[in-house]
Protein backbone atom coordinates (compact mmCIF):
# COMPACT_ATOMS: atom_id res chain seq x y z
CA UNK A 1 0.00 0.00 0.00
CA UNK A 2 1.29 3.48 -0.88
CA UNK A 3 1.40 6.30 1.61
CA UNK A 4 -1.06 9.07 0.64
CA UNK A 5 -0.06 12.64 -0.20
CA UNK A 6 0.76 14.36 3.10
CA UNK A 7 -1.09 17.67 3.38
CA UNK A 8 0.17 18.16 6.95
CA UNK A 9 3.76 19.01 6.03
CA UNK A 10 4.86 22.64 6.47
CA UNK A 11 5.16 23.32 2.75
CA UNK A 12 5.77 27.04 3.29
CA UNK A 13 9.11 26.23 4.92
CA UNK A 14 10.02 22.95 3.26
CA UNK A 15 12.32 22.51 0.27
CA UNK A 16 11.48 19.16 -1.29
CA UNK A 17 14.48 19.34 -3.61
CA UNK A 18 16.55 19.01 -0.43
CA UNK A 19 14.15 16.46 1.11
CA UNK A 20 12.74 14.29 -1.70
CA UNK A 21 12.11 11.51 0.82
CA UNK A 22 9.15 13.56 2.14
CA UNK A 23 7.48 13.85 -1.29
CA UNK A 24 4.46 11.68 -2.07
CA UNK A 25 3.23 11.37 -5.66
CA UNK A 26 -0.39 11.13 -4.54
CA UNK A 27 -3.18 11.08 -7.09
CA UNK A 28 -3.50 13.27 -10.14
CA UNK A 29 -2.51 16.84 -9.34
CA UNK A 30 -2.29 16.57 -5.55
CA UNK A 31 0.20 19.06 -4.13
CA UNK A 32 0.79 20.88 -7.40
CA UNK A 33 0.35 24.28 -5.73
CA UNK A 34 2.17 23.33 -2.52
CA UNK A 35 5.49 21.65 -3.28
CA UNK A 36 8.43 24.06 -3.28
CA UNK A 37 10.69 25.09 -4.89
CA UNK A 38 8.99 23.54 -7.90
CA UNK A 39 5.72 25.45 -7.61
CA UNK A 40 7.62 28.75 -7.74
CA UNK A 41 9.74 27.57 -10.67
CA UNK A 42 6.93 26.18 -12.83
CA UNK A 43 3.81 28.22 -11.98
CA UNK A 44 4.96 31.46 -13.70
CA UNK A 45 5.02 29.56 -17.01
CA UNK A 46 1.59 27.91 -16.63
CA UNK A 47 -1.01 29.53 -18.96
CA UNK A 48 -3.77 28.29 -21.26
CA UNK A 49 -5.90 31.28 -22.35
CA UNK A 50 -5.33 30.66 -26.08
CA UNK A 51 -3.85 27.74 -28.04
CA UNK A 52 -0.75 29.82 -28.80
CA UNK A 53 -0.23 30.60 -25.11
CA UNK A 54 -0.97 26.97 -24.18
CA UNK A 55 1.56 25.70 -26.73
CA UNK A 56 4.28 28.03 -25.45
CA UNK A 57 3.43 27.19 -21.83
CA UNK A 58 3.26 23.42 -22.28
CA UNK A 59 6.51 23.40 -24.27
CA UNK A 60 8.27 25.41 -21.55
CA UNK A 61 6.95 23.17 -18.78
CA UNK A 62 7.91 20.06 -20.75
CA UNK A 63 11.41 21.48 -21.27
CA UNK A 64 11.59 21.94 -17.48
CA UNK A 65 10.51 18.29 -17.13
CA UNK A 66 13.47 17.33 -19.32
CA UNK A 67 15.85 19.56 -17.32
CA UNK A 68 14.72 17.90 -14.08
CA UNK A 69 15.16 14.52 -15.79
CA UNK A 70 18.72 15.41 -16.82
CA UNK A 71 19.48 16.26 -13.17
CA UNK A 72 17.89 13.03 -11.91
CA UNK A 73 15.29 15.10 -10.03
CA UNK A 74 12.19 12.91 -9.90
CA UNK A 75 10.20 15.32 -7.72
CA UNK A 76 10.76 18.09 -10.27
CA UNK A 77 9.73 15.77 -13.11
CA UNK A 78 6.56 14.78 -11.28
CA UNK A 79 5.68 18.38 -10.48
CA UNK A 80 6.15 19.36 -14.15
CA UNK A 81 3.92 16.39 -15.09
CA UNK A 82 1.30 17.64 -12.62
CA UNK A 83 1.36 21.16 -14.11
CA UNK A 84 0.88 19.70 -17.59
CA UNK A 85 -2.02 17.62 -16.29
CA UNK A 86 -3.49 20.66 -14.55
CA UNK A 87 -3.19 22.66 -17.79
CA UNK A 88 -5.36 20.03 -19.43
CA UNK A 89 -7.94 19.74 -16.63
CA UNK A 90 -8.31 23.48 -16.07
CA UNK A 91 -8.57 24.26 -19.78
CA UNK A 92 -11.27 21.54 -20.01
CA UNK A 93 -13.11 23.18 -17.13
CA UNK A 94 -13.07 26.51 -18.99
CA UNK A 95 -14.10 24.70 -22.19
CA UNK A 96 -17.24 23.44 -20.47
CA UNK A 97 -18.04 26.35 -18.15
CA UNK A 98 -17.56 30.04 -18.87
CA UNK A 99 -15.46 31.54 -16.11
CA UNK A 100 -14.24 28.09 -15.05
CA UNK A 101 -16.93 27.62 -12.42
CA UNK A 102 -18.71 24.29 -12.64
CA UNK A 103 -21.22 24.84 -9.81
CA UNK A 104 -23.61 27.66 -8.96
CA UNK A 105 -23.77 28.91 -5.37
CA UNK A 106 -26.74 26.61 -4.70
CA UNK A 107 -24.68 23.57 -5.78
CA UNK A 108 -26.36 23.00 -9.13
CA UNK A 109 -24.20 22.45 -12.18
CA UNK A 110 -23.93 25.54 -14.35
CA UNK A 111 -24.87 25.26 -18.06
CA UNK A 112 -22.32 23.69 -20.36
CA UNK A 113 -20.75 25.57 -23.22
CA UNK A 114 -18.30 24.42 -25.87
CA UNK A 115 -15.42 26.88 -26.09
CA UNK A 116 -13.39 25.57 -29.02
CA UNK A 117 -10.42 27.81 -28.18
CA UNK A 118 -10.14 26.38 -24.65
CA UNK A 119 -10.72 22.87 -26.02
CA UNK A 120 -7.71 23.31 -28.31
CA UNK A 121 -5.65 24.61 -25.37
CA UNK A 122 -6.69 21.54 -23.38
CA UNK A 123 -5.67 19.22 -26.22
CA UNK A 124 -2.23 20.85 -26.40
CA UNK A 125 -1.62 20.32 -22.68
CA UNK A 126 -3.02 16.79 -22.81
CA UNK A 127 -0.57 15.80 -25.55
CA UNK A 128 2.43 17.08 -23.56
CA UNK A 129 1.10 15.51 -20.34
CA UNK A 130 0.81 12.12 -22.08
CA UNK A 131 4.40 12.36 -23.35
CA UNK A 132 5.68 13.22 -19.86
CA UNK A 133 3.73 10.59 -17.95
CA UNK A 134 4.76 7.79 -20.33
CA UNK A 135 8.45 8.76 -20.50
CA UNK A 136 10.27 5.50 -19.69
CA UNK A 137 12.80 7.17 -17.38
CA UNK A 138 9.98 9.00 -15.54
CA UNK A 139 8.05 5.74 -15.12
CA UNK A 140 11.15 3.99 -13.76
CA UNK A 141 12.02 6.87 -11.40
CA UNK A 142 8.43 7.04 -10.17
CA UNK A 143 8.44 3.35 -9.28
CA UNK A 144 11.86 3.70 -7.62
CA UNK A 145 10.66 6.69 -5.58
CA UNK A 146 7.51 4.88 -4.50
CA UNK A 147 9.43 1.75 -3.58
CA UNK A 148 12.01 3.68 -1.58
CA UNK A 149 9.82 6.29 0.15
CA UNK A 150 6.11 5.57 -0.27
CA UNK A 151 5.50 1.89 0.44
CA UNK A 152 4.01 1.34 3.85
CA UNK A 153 5.52 -1.37 5.96
CA UNK A 154 3.25 -4.21 7.01
CA UNK A 155 3.11 -2.68 10.51
CA UNK A 156 2.01 0.70 9.10
CA UNK A 157 -0.66 -0.95 6.92
CA UNK A 158 -1.95 -3.00 9.85
CA UNK A 159 -2.12 0.07 12.05
CA UNK A 160 -4.08 1.94 9.37
CA UNK A 161 -6.52 -0.98 8.99
CA UNK A 162 -7.01 -1.63 12.69
CA UNK A 163 -6.91 1.94 13.95
CA UNK A 164 -8.44 3.87 11.08
CA UNK A 165 -7.41 7.49 11.33
CA UNK A 166 -4.16 8.14 13.16
CA UNK A 167 -5.92 10.52 15.54
CA UNK A 168 -8.18 7.68 16.70
CA UNK A 169 -5.15 5.48 17.44
CA UNK A 170 -3.46 8.29 19.34
CA UNK A 171 -6.60 8.95 21.39
CA UNK A 172 -6.77 5.32 22.52
CA UNK A 173 -3.07 5.17 23.46
């Protein structure tokens, strides 16, 4: 069993380039706007307003992915992958909902639209995201990282199963 993304770390004061052992891949885009110094390095380049902007942005972020790869920096590669994925998902959200909001204040789903410009931006990011996430070196490094830092020991798994949330275990101790 893999350890989940840890939202309790002090990301404001933590440099995960110096402490990659604390990084958890998580699911999808988890942590994309938390993990430093990568967030500060990649976020300024993340844009998708038009296909031209999306192409320039996704190419820059993918080039950063390759730079992190060259340095053997898996956390940087994964963060670049997450920004590419987020470029796709956010552009899709704006494709379907003007202003990017899916829900009205009362919780109902807002009307769908079909913004072809945003759809093209989404497709550009999706293509780069697919290239990054299937890169053979990335796949190998991801598995290595998970094996080294994210696999729970049998004792940790048993504690999670028998105790549920950690707070409940601590309360009973």
